[in-house]
Amino acid sequence: MKPTTKHKWLVTSFTTLAMTAFHFFSDSGAQATCLEAPSTAQDSYEVRVTVGDHTLTATLEDNATTRAFVEMLPLTLPMLDLYGREMCYRFTDALPTDAASTQGYEVGEIVYYPPRHSFVILYAQNGERFQMQKMGRIDSGVEIFDGIGNVEVTFELVSNAATAVTSAVVQDVSVRTNGNKVVIEGEGLLRAKVYATSGALLGVAAGDGSTEIDCRGHNGSAIVEVSDSQNNVTRTKVMI
């Protein structure tokens, strides 16, 4: 196909933009590479579920309810063992839903019951149908809940197990936020990565004694992973 004037203009514009970006980073000596946060959420979320000495994993699908739940993690919930089939925690405030309907369920599913703001893990089948927003399922081992009684259950996004802060010092590495920038300071060579709580990589950087990553376009919690010159790795959850 013969290139049109429009095609030539697009190629020229893209080339000019790329060269401008190259010269900017070359002239400034910038070491950080920040990847724009994706505009769409990921397909699923992996969550660690801890009850007593047992650790399970759950895969949650992407929907409005799951995203609201994931933003609260890590979270320890006092769950009720109800009806011989489910572990239940009732949130004070309602979570958003986008596909709630009356339907049956499968053992191992995690659902949200809108009328009572209930977060539910279904560990046994009784054939009942009720209104629910399906969120995902326990990958395996859900039978440990059968007969366990009321118990505290901890949920953590696999990529993180921290509370969001705006600044923290861990193992002599300082991590803080300044607007949309994450600033890391410490001794020696520091290598840093920033992830969204969904697991998407937002940026990487390296610097001697300090470095920073500009993650404009991302608002909310993020995970900062830092490796120092001794290969010690720290992870901190920050609020951008």
Protein backbone atom coordinates (compact mmCIF):
# COMPACT_ATOMS: atom_id res chain seq x y z
CA MET A 1 0.00 0.00 0.00
CA LYS A 2 1.44 3.41 -0.93
CA PRO A 3 1.99 5.65 2.14
CA THR A 4 -0.41 8.56 2.31
CA THR A 5 0.35 12.06 3.57
CA LYS A 6 -1.38 11.14 6.83
CA HIS A 7 0.81 8.06 7.28
CA LYS A 8 3.98 10.09 6.63
CA TRP A 9 2.86 12.71 9.17
CA LEU A 10 2.27 10.03 11.83
CA VAL A 11 5.69 8.46 11.25
CA THR A 12 7.42 11.84 11.39
CA SER A 13 5.57 12.83 14.59
CA PHE A 14 6.39 9.57 16.33
CA THR A 15 10.08 9.82 15.36
CA THR A 16 10.30 13.41 16.60
CA LEU A 17 8.66 12.47 19.91
CA ALA A 18 11.00 9.52 20.42
CA MET A 19 14.12 11.60 19.69
CA THR A 20 12.95 14.36 22.03
CA ALA A 21 12.48 11.86 24.87
CA PHE A 22 15.90 10.29 24.17
CA HIS A 23 17.72 13.64 24.32
CA PHE A 24 15.82 14.69 27.47
CA PHE A 25 16.87 11.63 29.46
CA SER A 26 20.41 11.66 28.03
CA ASP A 27 20.95 15.34 28.88
CA SER A 28 19.42 15.12 32.37
CA GLY A 29 21.30 11.97 33.36
CA ALA A 30 18.02 10.51 34.62
CA GLN A 31 18.28 6.88 35.74
CA ALA A 32 14.65 6.17 36.49
CA THR A 33 12.35 4.58 33.95
CA CYS A 34 8.68 4.93 34.85
CA LEU A 35 6.10 2.87 33.04
CA GLU A 36 2.67 4.42 32.71
CA ALA A 37 0.08 2.69 34.85
CA PRO A 38 -2.29 0.63 32.71
CA SER A 39 -5.68 2.20 32.12
CA THR A 40 -7.49 -1.10 32.58
CA ALA A 41 -7.36 -3.44 35.57
CA GLN A 42 -5.78 -6.85 35.37
CA ASP A 43 -7.79 -10.02 34.76
CA SER A 44 -7.33 -11.46 38.26
CA TYR A 45 -5.71 -10.93 41.65
CA GLU A 46 -3.82 -13.50 43.71
CA VAL A 47 -4.51 -13.25 47.44
CA ARG A 48 -2.90 -15.07 50.35
CA VAL A 49 -5.45 -16.35 52.89
CA THR A 50 -4.14 -17.22 56.35
CA VAL A 51 -6.18 -18.92 59.04
CA GLY A 52 -4.29 -20.21 62.09
CA ASP A 53 -1.38 -22.31 60.84
CA HIS A 54 -2.95 -22.79 57.41
CA THR A 55 -2.09 -20.69 54.35
CA LEU A 56 -4.27 -20.85 51.24
CA THR A 57 -4.34 -18.86 48.03
CA ALA A 58 -7.36 -17.35 46.33
CA THR A 59 -7.79 -16.06 42.80
CA LEU A 60 -10.14 -13.10 42.58
CA GLU A 61 -11.64 -11.98 39.28
CA ASP A 62 -11.60 -8.37 38.19
CA ASN A 63 -14.83 -6.57 39.01
CA ALA A 64 -15.95 -3.55 41.04
CA THR A 65 -16.36 -5.54 44.26
CA THR A 66 -12.95 -7.18 44.02
CA ARG A 67 -11.19 -3.90 43.28
CA ALA A 68 -12.76 -2.26 46.34
CA PHE A 69 -11.77 -5.26 48.48
CA VAL A 70 -8.18 -5.37 47.18
CA GLU A 71 -7.71 -1.68 48.00
CA MET A 72 -8.31 -2.52 51.68
CA LEU A 73 -5.64 -5.23 51.86
CA PRO A 74 -3.92 -6.39 53.98
CA LEU A 75 -6.91 -7.10 56.18
CA THR A 76 -7.69 -9.41 59.11
CA LEU A 77 -11.38 -10.17 59.46
CA PRO A 78 -13.22 -11.87 62.35
CA MET A 79 -15.30 -14.28 60.28
CA LEU A 80 -18.43 -16.09 61.43
CA ASP A 81 -18.99 -19.78 60.64
CA LEU A 82 -22.61 -19.75 59.46
CA TYR A 83 -25.24 -22.24 58.26
CA GLY A 84 -22.73 -25.10 58.05
CA ARG A 85 -21.61 -23.81 54.65
CA GLU A 86 -19.85 -20.43 54.84
CA MET A 87 -17.39 -18.13 56.53
CA CYS A 88 -18.88 -14.63 56.66
CA TYR A 89 -17.81 -11.11 57.52
CA ARG A 90 -20.27 -8.20 57.28
CA PHE A 91 -18.75 -4.88 56.28
CA THR A 92 -20.23 -1.75 57.83
CA ASP A 93 -20.38 -0.01 54.46
CA ALA A 94 -21.55 -1.52 51.21
CA LEU A 95 -19.06 -2.52 48.55
CA PRO A 96 -19.80 -1.64 44.91
CA THR A 97 -21.16 -4.34 42.60
CA ASP A 98 -21.49 -4.57 38.85
CA ALA A 99 -22.97 -8.03 38.22
CA ALA A 100 -24.98 -9.10 41.28
CA SER A 101 -27.74 -11.62 40.63
CA THR A 102 -29.60 -14.49 42.27
CA GLN A 103 -27.84 -17.76 41.47
CA GLY A 104 -26.33 -20.93 42.87
CA TYR A 105 -22.75 -21.40 43.97
CA GLU A 106 -19.86 -23.86 43.92
CA VAL A 107 -17.83 -24.99 46.92
CA GLY A 108 -14.73 -22.85 47.24
CA GLU A 109 -16.25 -19.71 45.75
CA ILE A 110 -15.83 -16.29 47.34
CA VAL A 111 -18.88 -14.08 46.93
CA TYR A 112 -20.37 -10.83 48.19
CA TYR A 113 -23.97 -10.76 49.48
CA PRO A 114 -25.19 -7.16 48.90
CA PRO A 115 -28.24 -7.05 51.22
CA ARG A 116 -26.05 -7.43 54.35
CA HIS A 117 -22.69 -6.27 52.95
CA SER A 118 -21.42 -9.81 53.51
CA PHE A 119 -18.05 -11.10 52.31
CA VAL A 120 -18.44 -14.89 52.12
CA ILE A 121 -16.25 -17.96 51.60
CA LEU A 122 -18.42 -20.96 50.72
CA TYR A 123 -16.93 -24.21 52.05
CA ALA A 124 -19.91 -26.59 51.73
CA GLN A 125 -22.90 -27.04 49.41
CA ASN A 126 -26.55 -26.96 50.45
CA GLY A 127 -28.14 -26.18 47.07
CA GLU A 128 -29.39 -22.73 48.04
CA ARG A 129 -29.62 -19.88 45.57
CA PHE A 130 -29.26 -16.30 46.76
CA GLN A 131 -28.29 -12.85 45.56
CA MET A 132 -24.54 -12.53 45.13
CA GLN A 133 -21.69 -10.85 43.33
CA LYS A 134 -19.13 -13.50 42.55
CA MET A 135 -15.58 -12.40 43.40
CA GLY A 136 -13.43 -15.49 42.85
CA ARG A 137 -12.51 -18.72 44.62
CA ILE A 138 -10.12 -20.43 47.02
CA ASP A 139 -7.71 -22.34 44.77
CA SER A 140 -7.59 -25.41 47.05
CA GLY A 141 -7.97 -26.43 50.69
CA VAL A 142 -11.27 -24.66 51.42
CA GLU A 143 -12.34 -27.72 53.44
CA ILE A 144 -10.25 -26.49 56.39
CA PHE A 145 -13.12 -24.11 57.18
CA ASP A 146 -15.63 -26.94 57.59
CA GLY A 147 -16.44 -26.98 61.31
CA ILE A 148 -13.68 -24.54 62.25
CA GLY A 149 -16.05 -22.15 64.04
CA ASN A 150 -15.67 -18.39 64.27
CA VAL A 151 -12.08 -17.42 63.48
CA GLU A 152 -9.89 -14.55 62.33
CA VAL A 153 -8.78 -14.78 58.70
CA THR A 154 -6.06 -12.63 57.15
CA PHE A 155 -6.09 -11.60 53.49
CA GLU A 156 -3.00 -10.21 51.76
CA LEU A 157 -2.31 -9.35 48.15
CA VAL A 158 0.54 -11.67 47.20
CA SER A 159 2.72 -8.76 46.02
CA ASN A 160 2.42 -7.00 49.37
CA ALA A 161 1.85 -7.43 53.10
CA ALA A 162 2.22 -3.88 54.41
CA THR A 163 0.13 -0.89 55.42
CA ALA A 164 0.11 2.13 53.12
CA VAL A 165 2.16 5.06 54.41
CA THR A 166 3.64 8.27 52.99
CA SER A 167 7.08 7.66 54.52
CA ALA A 168 8.95 4.81 56.20
CA VAL A 169 12.45 3.73 57.20
CA VAL A 170 13.16 0.00 56.87
CA GLN A 171 16.65 -1.46 57.36
CA ASP A 172 18.22 2.02 56.95
CA VAL A 173 16.40 2.56 53.65
CA SER A 174 14.10 5.59 53.62
CA VAL A 175 11.05 5.54 51.35
CA ARG A 176 8.74 8.53 51.02
CA THR A 177 6.36 10.08 48.55
CA ASN A 178 6.41 13.60 47.17
CA GLY A 179 3.35 14.12 45.04
CA ASN A 180 3.50 11.45 42.36
CA LYS A 181 7.18 10.76 43.03
CA VAL A 182 8.56 7.97 45.18
CA VAL A 183 11.88 9.00 46.78
CA ILE A 184 14.30 6.33 48.05
CA GLU A 185 17.38 7.17 50.15
CA GLY A 186 20.01 5.00 51.81
CA GLU A 187 23.62 3.86 51.67
CA GLY A 188 25.39 2.68 48.52
CA LEU A 189 23.74 1.51 45.34
CA LEU A 190 19.95 1.34 45.56
CA ARG A 191 17.80 -0.47 43.01
CA ALA A 192 14.08 0.19 43.25
CA LYS A 193 10.84 -0.94 41.64
CA VAL A 194 7.34 0.41 42.20
CA TYR A 195 4.25 -1.73 41.67
CA ALA A 196 0.56 -0.95 41.76
CA THR A 197 -1.34 -3.09 44.27
CA SER A 198 -2.72 -4.95 41.25
CA GLY A 199 0.83 -6.14 40.57
CA ALA A 200 1.42 -3.91 37.52
CA LEU A 201 4.95 -2.49 37.32
CA LEU A 202 4.89 1.31 37.53
CA GLY A 203 8.57 2.13 37.41
CA VAL A 204 12.18 1.16 38.07
CA ALA A 205 15.20 3.19 39.16
CA ALA A 206 18.77 2.90 40.42
CA GLY A 207 21.03 5.39 42.16
CA ASP A 208 23.99 5.77 44.51
CA GLY A 209 22.62 6.89 47.87
CA SER A 210 19.29 8.05 46.51
CA THR A 211 16.94 7.72 43.57
CA GLU A 212 13.35 8.55 42.69
CA ILE A 213 10.58 7.36 40.42
CA ASP A 214 7.96 9.65 38.93
CA CYS A 215 4.68 7.72 38.63
CA ARG A 216 2.31 10.41 37.47
CA GLY A 217 -0.97 8.96 36.30
CA HIS A 218 -1.15 6.61 39.30
CA ASN A 219 -3.15 7.54 42.38
CA GLY A 220 -3.52 5.24 45.36
CA SER A 221 -1.51 2.51 47.05
CA ALA A 222 1.74 1.21 45.58
CA ILE A 223 4.44 -1.25 46.60
CA VAL A 224 8.07 -0.06 46.68
CA GLU A 225 10.66 -2.84 46.48
CA VAL A 226 14.25 -1.77 47.20
CA SER A 227 17.45 -3.81 46.94
CA ASP A 228 20.58 -2.29 48.53
CA SER A 229 24.28 -2.89 47.88
CA GLN A 230 24.20 -5.92 50.23
CA ASN A 231 21.26 -7.37 48.28
CA ASN A 232 18.91 -6.84 51.22
CA VAL A 233 15.37 -6.43 49.89
CA THR A 234 12.73 -4.32 51.59
CA ARG A 235 9.10 -3.84 50.56
CA THR A 236 7.00 -0.90 51.68
CA LYS A 237 3.43 -0.01 50.82
CA VAL A 238 3.05 3.71 50.17
CA MET A 239 0.21 6.02 49.24
CA ILE A 240 0.81 8.08 46.11
